Amino acid sequence: MKCAVSFMVSCFLIVFFTRHIKELEAQKWKACLIKQICPGSCRTDGYIRCKNDITKNGKHRPFECKCKDVDGDRLCFCYKCLVLRASSDLTT
């Protein structure tokens, strides 16, 4: 009985980790160039505010951003993004 339970738990863990690895592979860092004007000023945390604003607006999660004050607003430049794909896009 213990052997059967151990075997079932092992199978479950293998399937779980295999599926998790496929999901991680679906998320890739890619070079991107996103320019977006956002309200407010850059201050010292402008690049963080840029990342947050761009993440809210789409399928990209920026990794590296720069902020520049322009006419009372922030101009955000993001260069590297994590492109999120749905799990249905995965090939088996």
Protein backbone atom coordinates (compact mmCIF):
# COMPACT_ATOMS: atom_id res chain seq x y z
CA MET A 1 0.00 0.00 0.00
CA LYS A 2 2.81 2.42 0.89
CA CYS A 3 4.52 1.62 -2.38
CA ALA A 4 1.38 2.40 -4.40
CA VAL A 5 0.85 5.73 -2.63
CA SER A 6 4.50 6.67 -3.11
CA PHE A 7 4.24 5.84 -6.80
CA MET A 8 1.08 7.97 -7.23
CA VAL A 9 2.66 10.92 -5.41
CA SER A 10 5.80 10.62 -7.55
CA CYS A 11 3.73 10.62 -10.76
CA PHE A 12 1.79 13.67 -9.60
CA LEU A 13 4.98 15.58 -8.79
CA ILE A 14 6.55 14.73 -12.14
CA VAL A 15 3.48 15.95 -14.05
CA PHE A 16 3.23 19.08 -11.91
CA PHE A 17 6.88 20.09 -12.38
CA THR A 18 6.83 19.30 -16.11
CA ARG A 19 3.82 21.57 -16.62
CA HIS A 20 5.41 24.31 -14.49
CA ILE A 21 8.62 24.20 -16.54
CA LYS A 22 6.61 24.57 -19.78
CA GLU A 23 4.91 27.66 -18.35
CA LEU A 24 8.27 29.16 -17.39
CA GLU A 25 9.64 28.52 -20.88
CA ALA A 26 6.63 30.35 -22.35
CA GLN A 27 7.74 33.53 -20.62
CA LYS A 28 10.75 34.93 -22.46
CA TRP A 29 12.77 38.11 -22.01
CA LYS A 30 12.84 39.95 -25.30
CA ALA A 31 14.19 43.21 -26.51
CA CYS A 32 11.38 45.69 -26.87
CA LEU A 33 11.04 49.40 -27.30
CA ILE A 34 8.03 50.85 -25.59
CA LYS A 35 7.54 54.61 -25.41
CA GLN A 36 4.63 55.92 -23.40
CA ILE A 37 3.66 59.27 -21.94
CA CYS A 38 2.33 59.00 -18.39
CA PRO A 39 1.02 61.68 -16.03
CA GLY A 40 3.21 63.05 -13.25
CA SER A 41 6.92 63.66 -12.90
CA CYS A 42 9.80 61.19 -12.78
CA ARG A 43 11.25 62.08 -9.37
CA THR A 44 13.61 59.44 -7.95
CA ASP A 45 11.30 56.47 -8.58
CA GLY A 46 10.27 57.34 -12.14
CA TYR A 47 11.57 54.14 -13.69
CA ILE A 48 9.51 52.08 -11.21
CA ARG A 49 6.41 54.14 -11.93
CA CYS A 50 7.02 53.62 -15.67
CA LYS A 51 7.25 49.85 -15.20
CA ASN A 52 4.02 49.81 -13.23
CA ASP A 53 2.11 51.98 -15.72
CA ILE A 54 3.21 49.94 -18.75
CA THR A 55 2.49 46.63 -17.01
CA LYS A 56 -1.09 47.77 -16.34
CA ASN A 57 -1.69 48.59 -20.00
CA GLY A 58 -0.73 45.42 -21.85
CA LYS A 59 0.89 42.03 -22.21
CA HIS A 60 4.42 43.28 -21.58
CA ARG A 61 6.19 43.32 -18.25
CA PRO A 62 9.12 45.74 -18.65
CA PHE A 63 12.40 44.98 -16.94
CA GLU A 64 14.52 47.98 -17.86
CA CYS A 65 12.97 51.44 -18.14
CA LYS A 66 14.12 55.04 -18.14
CA CYS A 67 12.08 58.10 -17.31
CA LYS A 68 12.33 61.64 -18.68
CA ASP A 69 10.30 64.68 -17.63
CA VAL A 70 8.58 66.28 -20.63
CA ASP A 71 6.10 69.18 -20.38
CA GLY A 72 4.75 68.22 -16.95
CA ASP A 73 4.45 64.53 -17.82
CA ARG A 74 6.75 61.50 -17.80
CA LEU A 75 8.08 59.99 -20.99
CA CYS A 76 8.81 56.32 -20.32
CA PHE A 77 11.27 54.30 -22.42
CA CYS A 78 11.41 50.55 -21.77
CA TYR A 79 13.98 48.31 -23.46
CA LYS A 80 13.66 44.77 -22.13
CA CYS A 81 10.32 43.08 -21.58
CA LEU A 82 8.97 39.80 -20.38
CA VAL A 83 6.41 38.82 -22.99
CA LEU A 84 3.58 36.90 -21.40
CA ARG A 85 1.85 34.25 -23.47
CA ALA A 86 -1.29 32.35 -22.59
CA SER A 87 -0.84 28.69 -21.70
CA SER A 88 -3.06 27.79 -24.69
CA ASP A 89 -0.28 29.12 -26.96
CA LEU A 90 2.08 26.38 -25.77
CA THR A 91 2.88 23.52 -28.06
CA THR A 92 3.10 20.05 -26.65
